[in-house]
Amino acid sequence: MNNFLKVSMIILLLLCSCGGGITAEKAFEGVNNYCHQNYDWSIAEENPEIMYVAMGDETQAEYKVVFRSYTGSFVYFYVDKASGSTRMEEYVPGLDIKNEAGSINIKDYLK
């Protein structure tokens, strides 16, 4: 067996033993848990459509999960499929303003 094949097999075993990457379901669950821990949902009890978490676009490298606030602003969560590292971007449509809003590791919000 050549060295390249040996190294490839070791990398594959390491990825498999670590539980693999983040699935779309895990990305949604983690963002949903984060949003319920960090935002006040009481305002949406009578009208749940004004606040929600939904899946957005997907690329080869990341999932986009969208949180809509009762204020009409959005927070976009870009979840790295391999690591769970997640960058957040806030968007206020009425003012057409986008701002970086920090980062988290989505694995910290999975049960």
N, C-alpha and C. Protein backbone atom coordinates (compact mmCIF):
# COMPACT_ATOMS: atom_id res chain seq x y z
N MET A 1 0.86 -1.18 0.00
CA MET A 1 0.00 0.00 0.00
C MET A 1 0.90 1.24 0.00
N ASN A 2 0.62 2.16 -0.90
CA ASN A 2 1.46 3.36 -0.96
C ASN A 2 1.10 4.33 0.16
N ASN A 3 2.00 5.28 0.40
CA ASN A 3 1.84 6.23 1.51
C ASN A 3 0.60 7.11 1.36
N PHE A 4 0.30 7.52 0.14
CA PHE A 4 -0.89 8.35 -0.06
C PHE A 4 -2.15 7.62 0.37
N LEU A 5 -2.25 6.37 0.01
CA LEU A 5 -3.42 5.57 0.36
C LEU A 5 -3.50 5.36 1.87
N LYS A 6 -2.34 5.14 2.51
CA LYS A 6 -2.31 4.97 3.97
C LYS A 6 -2.79 6.25 4.67
N VAL A 7 -2.27 7.39 4.22
CA VAL A 7 -2.66 8.67 4.83
C VAL A 7 -4.15 8.92 4.60
N SER A 8 -4.64 8.63 3.40
CA SER A 8 -6.06 8.82 3.10
C SER A 8 -6.93 7.96 4.00
N MET A 9 -6.52 6.74 4.25
CA MET A 9 -7.29 5.85 5.12
C MET A 9 -7.28 6.34 6.56
N ILE A 10 -6.15 6.86 7.01
CA ILE A 10 -6.06 7.39 8.38
C ILE A 10 -6.97 8.61 8.53
N ILE A 11 -6.95 9.50 7.56
CA ILE A 11 -7.82 10.68 7.61
C ILE A 11 -9.28 10.26 7.62
N LEU A 12 -9.64 9.30 6.78
CA LEU A 12 -11.02 8.82 6.74
C LEU A 12 -11.42 8.21 8.08
N LEU A 13 -10.55 7.44 8.69
CA LEU A 13 -10.86 6.85 9.99
C LEU A 13 -11.01 7.91 11.06
N LEU A 14 -10.18 8.94 11.03
CA LEU A 14 -10.29 10.03 12.00
C LEU A 14 -11.62 10.77 11.83
N LEU A 15 -12.01 11.04 10.60
CA LEU A 15 -13.28 11.73 10.37
C LEU A 15 -14.45 10.88 10.84
N CYS A 16 -14.41 9.60 10.57
CA CYS A 16 -15.49 8.71 10.99
C CYS A 16 -15.55 8.57 12.50
N SER A 17 -14.41 8.51 13.16
CA SER A 17 -14.39 8.34 14.61
C SER A 17 -14.82 9.60 15.35
N CYS A 18 -14.77 10.75 14.67
CA CYS A 18 -15.19 12.00 15.30
C CYS A 18 -16.66 12.29 15.08
N GLY A 19 -17.37 11.37 14.48
CA GLY A 19 -18.79 11.57 14.26
C GLY A 19 -19.10 12.32 12.97
N GLY A 20 -18.10 12.54 12.14
CA GLY A 20 -18.33 13.19 10.87
C GLY A 20 -18.65 14.66 11.02
N GLY A 21 -19.19 15.20 9.97
CA GLY A 21 -19.50 16.63 9.96
C GLY A 21 -20.89 16.93 10.48
N ILE A 22 -21.32 18.13 10.20
CA ILE A 22 -22.62 18.62 10.62
C ILE A 22 -23.63 18.35 9.50
N THR A 23 -24.75 17.76 9.85
CA THR A 23 -25.83 17.54 8.89
C THR A 23 -26.74 18.77 8.87
N ALA A 24 -27.60 18.83 7.89
CA ALA A 24 -28.57 19.93 7.82
C ALA A 24 -29.46 19.92 9.06
N GLU A 25 -29.85 18.74 9.50
CA GLU A 25 -30.71 18.63 10.68
C GLU A 25 -29.99 19.16 11.93
N LYS A 26 -28.71 18.82 12.07
CA LYS A 26 -27.94 19.32 13.21
C LYS A 26 -27.75 20.82 13.14
N ALA A 27 -27.52 21.35 11.95
CA ALA A 27 -27.36 22.80 11.79
C ALA A 27 -28.64 23.51 12.22
N PHE A 28 -29.78 23.01 11.77
CA PHE A 28 -31.05 23.62 12.14
C PHE A 28 -31.28 23.51 13.65
N GLU A 29 -31.06 22.32 14.20
CA GLU A 29 -31.28 22.12 15.64
C GLU A 29 -30.40 23.04 16.47
N GLY A 30 -29.13 23.14 16.12
CA GLY A 30 -28.22 23.99 16.87
C GLY A 30 -28.60 25.46 16.81
N VAL A 31 -28.95 25.94 15.62
CA VAL A 31 -29.35 27.35 15.49
C VAL A 31 -30.66 27.59 16.22
N ASN A 32 -31.59 26.67 16.11
CA ASN A 32 -32.87 26.81 16.81
C ASN A 32 -32.65 26.87 18.32
N ASN A 33 -31.80 25.99 18.84
CA ASN A 33 -31.49 26.01 20.27
C ASN A 33 -30.82 27.32 20.67
N TYR A 34 -29.87 27.78 19.88
CA TYR A 34 -29.19 29.05 20.15
C TYR A 34 -30.20 30.20 20.21
N CYS A 35 -31.07 30.27 19.21
CA CYS A 35 -32.03 31.37 19.13
C CYS A 35 -33.02 31.34 20.30
N HIS A 36 -33.43 30.15 20.71
CA HIS A 36 -34.36 30.06 21.83
C HIS A 36 -33.68 30.40 23.16
N GLN A 37 -32.37 30.23 23.24
CA GLN A 37 -31.64 30.58 24.45
C GLN A 37 -31.29 32.07 24.50
N ASN A 38 -31.12 32.70 23.35
CA ASN A 38 -30.57 34.05 23.32
C ASN A 38 -31.55 35.15 22.91
N TYR A 39 -32.73 34.79 22.46
CA TYR A 39 -33.71 35.79 22.06
C TYR A 39 -35.00 35.58 22.83
N ASP A 40 -35.70 36.66 23.10
CA ASP A 40 -36.98 36.60 23.83
C ASP A 40 -38.09 36.22 22.86
N TRP A 41 -38.66 35.03 23.04
CA TRP A 41 -39.71 34.53 22.16
C TRP A 41 -41.10 34.84 22.71
N SER A 42 -41.20 35.45 23.88
CA SER A 42 -42.52 35.70 24.48
C SER A 42 -43.40 36.58 23.61
N ILE A 43 -42.79 37.49 22.88
CA ILE A 43 -43.53 38.40 22.00
C ILE A 43 -44.24 37.63 20.89
N ALA A 44 -43.76 36.43 20.56
CA ALA A 44 -44.32 35.65 19.46
C ALA A 44 -45.33 34.60 19.92
N GLU A 45 -45.64 34.56 21.21
CA GLU A 45 -46.57 33.55 21.71
C GLU A 45 -47.94 33.65 21.06
N GLU A 46 -48.44 34.85 20.88
CA GLU A 46 -49.76 35.03 20.28
C GLU A 46 -49.72 35.04 18.75
N ASN A 47 -48.57 35.32 18.19
CA ASN A 47 -48.42 35.37 16.73
C ASN A 47 -47.09 34.72 16.35
N PRO A 48 -47.04 33.38 16.31
CA PRO A 48 -45.77 32.69 16.09
C PRO A 48 -45.12 32.93 14.72
N GLU A 49 -45.87 33.44 13.75
CA GLU A 49 -45.31 33.67 12.42
C GLU A 49 -44.33 34.84 12.40
N ILE A 50 -44.33 35.68 13.44
CA ILE A 50 -43.45 36.85 13.40
C ILE A 50 -42.01 36.51 13.78
N MET A 51 -41.79 35.32 14.36
CA MET A 51 -40.43 34.87 14.68
C MET A 51 -40.30 33.41 14.26
N TYR A 52 -39.20 33.11 13.61
CA TYR A 52 -39.00 31.71 13.20
C TYR A 52 -37.54 31.45 12.88
N VAL A 53 -37.23 30.16 12.79
CA VAL A 53 -35.94 29.68 12.31
C VAL A 53 -36.24 28.79 11.11
N ALA A 54 -35.50 28.98 10.02
CA ALA A 54 -35.73 28.21 8.80
C ALA A 54 -34.41 27.93 8.10
N MET A 55 -34.39 26.85 7.35
CA MET A 55 -33.21 26.54 6.55
C MET A 55 -33.16 27.47 5.35
N GLY A 56 -31.96 27.90 5.02
CA GLY A 56 -31.74 28.73 3.84
C GLY A 56 -30.98 27.92 2.80
N ASP A 57 -30.17 28.61 2.04
CA ASP A 57 -29.38 27.98 0.98
C ASP A 57 -28.30 27.08 1.55
N GLU A 58 -27.80 26.19 0.70
CA GLU A 58 -26.71 25.29 1.07
C GLU A 58 -25.66 25.32 -0.03
N THR A 59 -24.40 25.36 0.38
CA THR A 59 -23.29 25.22 -0.56
C THR A 59 -22.56 23.92 -0.22
N GLN A 60 -21.51 23.63 -0.93
CA GLN A 60 -20.72 22.44 -0.61
C GLN A 60 -20.09 22.54 0.77
N ALA A 61 -19.79 23.74 1.21
CA ALA A 61 -19.06 23.93 2.46
C ALA A 61 -19.92 24.30 3.66
N GLU A 62 -21.11 24.89 3.43
CA GLU A 62 -21.87 25.38 4.58
C GLU A 62 -23.37 25.37 4.35
N TYR A 63 -24.08 25.41 5.48
CA TYR A 63 -25.53 25.58 5.49
C TYR A 63 -25.83 27.01 5.91
N LYS A 64 -26.88 27.56 5.38
CA LYS A 64 -27.36 28.86 5.83
C LYS A 64 -28.68 28.62 6.55
N VAL A 65 -28.73 29.05 7.82
CA VAL A 65 -29.95 28.94 8.61
C VAL A 65 -30.36 30.36 8.96
N VAL A 66 -31.66 30.64 8.83
CA VAL A 66 -32.16 32.00 8.97
C VAL A 66 -33.05 32.12 10.21
N PHE A 67 -32.76 33.14 11.02
CA PHE A 67 -33.63 33.50 12.14
C PHE A 67 -34.30 34.82 11.80
N ARG A 68 -35.62 34.86 11.91
CA ARG A 68 -36.35 36.12 11.70
C ARG A 68 -36.86 36.59 13.05
N SER A 69 -36.54 37.81 13.40
CA SER A 69 -36.97 38.41 14.64
C SER A 69 -38.32 39.09 14.45
N TYR A 70 -39.02 39.29 15.54
CA TYR A 70 -40.29 40.01 15.49
C TYR A 70 -40.11 41.45 15.00
N THR A 71 -38.89 41.97 15.06
CA THR A 71 -38.62 43.33 14.58
C THR A 71 -38.55 43.40 13.06
N GLY A 72 -38.51 42.25 12.40
CA GLY A 72 -38.38 42.21 10.95
C GLY A 72 -36.95 42.03 10.48
N SER A 73 -35.99 42.06 11.41
CA SER A 73 -34.60 41.83 11.03
C SER A 73 -34.33 40.33 10.94
N PHE A 74 -33.26 40.00 10.28
CA PHE A 74 -32.86 38.61 10.11
C PHE A 74 -31.45 38.43 10.64
N VAL A 75 -31.18 37.24 11.17
CA VAL A 75 -29.81 36.84 11.47
C VAL A 75 -29.55 35.61 10.63
N TYR A 76 -28.51 35.68 9.79
CA TYR A 76 -28.12 34.56 8.95
C TYR A 76 -26.98 33.83 9.65
N PHE A 77 -27.15 32.54 9.82
CA PHE A 77 -26.14 31.68 10.43
C PHE A 77 -25.52 30.84 9.32
N TYR A 78 -24.21 30.98 9.11
CA TYR A 78 -23.49 30.22 8.10
C TYR A 78 -22.70 29.12 8.83
N VAL A 79 -23.22 27.89 8.76
CA VAL A 79 -22.68 26.77 9.53
C VAL A 79 -21.74 25.96 8.65
N ASP A 80 -20.46 25.90 9.03
CA ASP A 80 -19.48 25.10 8.32
C ASP A 80 -19.80 23.63 8.50
N LYS A 81 -19.97 22.90 7.42
CA LYS A 81 -20.37 21.50 7.47
C LYS A 81 -19.34 20.61 8.15
N ALA A 82 -18.08 20.93 8.00
CA ALA A 82 -17.03 20.07 8.55
C ALA A 82 -16.78 20.32 10.03
N SER A 83 -16.74 21.59 10.43
CA SER A 83 -16.31 21.90 11.80
C SER A 83 -17.42 22.33 12.74
N GLY A 84 -18.52 22.84 12.20
CA GLY A 84 -19.57 23.40 13.05
C GLY A 84 -19.35 24.87 13.38
N SER A 85 -18.22 25.41 12.97
CA SER A 85 -17.95 26.84 13.18
C SER A 85 -19.01 27.64 12.43
N THR A 86 -19.58 28.61 13.12
CA THR A 86 -20.73 29.33 12.56
C THR A 86 -20.52 30.83 12.67
N ARG A 87 -20.59 31.50 11.54
CA ARG A 87 -20.53 32.96 11.56
C ARG A 87 -21.94 33.49 11.41
N MET A 88 -22.18 34.63 12.05
CA MET A 88 -23.52 35.22 12.04
C MET A 88 -23.47 36.58 11.38
N GLU A 89 -24.51 36.87 10.62
CA GLU A 89 -24.62 38.16 9.95
C GLU A 89 -26.05 38.66 10.16
N GLU A 90 -26.19 39.88 10.65
CA GLU A 90 -27.51 40.47 10.86
C GLU A 90 -27.86 41.35 9.67
N TYR A 91 -29.12 41.26 9.26
CA TYR A 91 -29.60 42.05 8.14
C TYR A 91 -30.91 42.74 8.53
N VAL A 92 -30.95 44.05 8.33
CA VAL A 92 -32.14 44.84 8.61
C VAL A 92 -32.68 45.31 7.26
N PRO A 93 -33.73 44.64 6.74
CA PRO A 93 -34.21 44.96 5.39
C PRO A 93 -34.71 46.40 5.24
N GLY A 94 -35.40 46.93 6.23
CA GLY A 94 -35.94 48.29 6.13
C GLY A 94 -34.88 49.35 5.93
N LEU A 95 -33.68 49.09 6.44
CA LEU A 95 -32.58 50.03 6.31
C LEU A 95 -31.50 49.55 5.34
N ASP A 96 -31.68 48.33 4.82
CA ASP A 96 -30.71 47.68 3.94
C ASP A 96 -29.30 47.70 4.55
N ILE A 97 -29.23 47.27 5.83
CA ILE A 97 -27.95 47.25 6.55
C ILE A 97 -27.59 45.80 6.90
N LYS A 98 -26.34 45.43 6.60
CA LYS A 98 -25.81 44.12 6.97
C LYS A 98 -24.61 44.34 7.89
N ASN A 99 -24.56 43.56 8.96
CA ASN A 99 -23.44 43.64 9.90
C ASN A 99 -23.03 42.25 10.34
N GLU A 100 -21.73 42.05 10.48
CA GLU A 100 -21.26 40.82 11.10
C GLU A 100 -21.74 40.82 12.54
N ALA A 101 -22.23 39.69 13.02
CA ALA A 101 -22.82 39.64 14.36
C ALA A 101 -22.13 38.64 15.27
N GLY A 102 -20.93 38.20 14.91
CA GLY A 102 -20.18 37.29 15.78
C GLY A 102 -20.10 35.89 15.22
N SER A 103 -19.64 34.99 16.09
CA SER A 103 -19.50 33.59 15.68
C SER A 103 -19.70 32.69 16.89
N ILE A 104 -20.12 31.46 16.61
CA ILE A 104 -20.29 30.43 17.62
C ILE A 104 -19.85 29.10 17.02
N ASN A 105 -19.77 28.09 17.84
CA ASN A 105 -19.64 26.73 17.32
C ASN A 105 -20.97 26.05 17.55
N ILE A 106 -21.60 25.64 16.49
CA ILE A 106 -22.94 25.08 16.58
C ILE A 106 -22.98 23.82 17.45
N LYS A 107 -21.85 23.13 17.56
CA LYS A 107 -21.80 21.93 18.39
C LYS A 107 -22.09 22.25 19.86
N ASP A 108 -21.82 23.49 20.28
CA ASP A 108 -22.11 23.90 21.66
C ASP A 108 -23.60 23.98 21.94
N TYR A 109 -24.43 23.96 20.90
CA TYR A 109 -25.87 24.11 21.05
C TYR A 109 -26.65 22.86 20.64
N LEU A 110 -25.93 21.78 20.47
CA LEU A 110 -26.59 20.50 20.19
C LEU A 110 -26.72 19.70 21.45
N LYS A 111 -27.84 19.04 21.60
CA LYS A 111 -28.10 18.24 22.82
C LYS A 111 -27.50 16.86 22.70
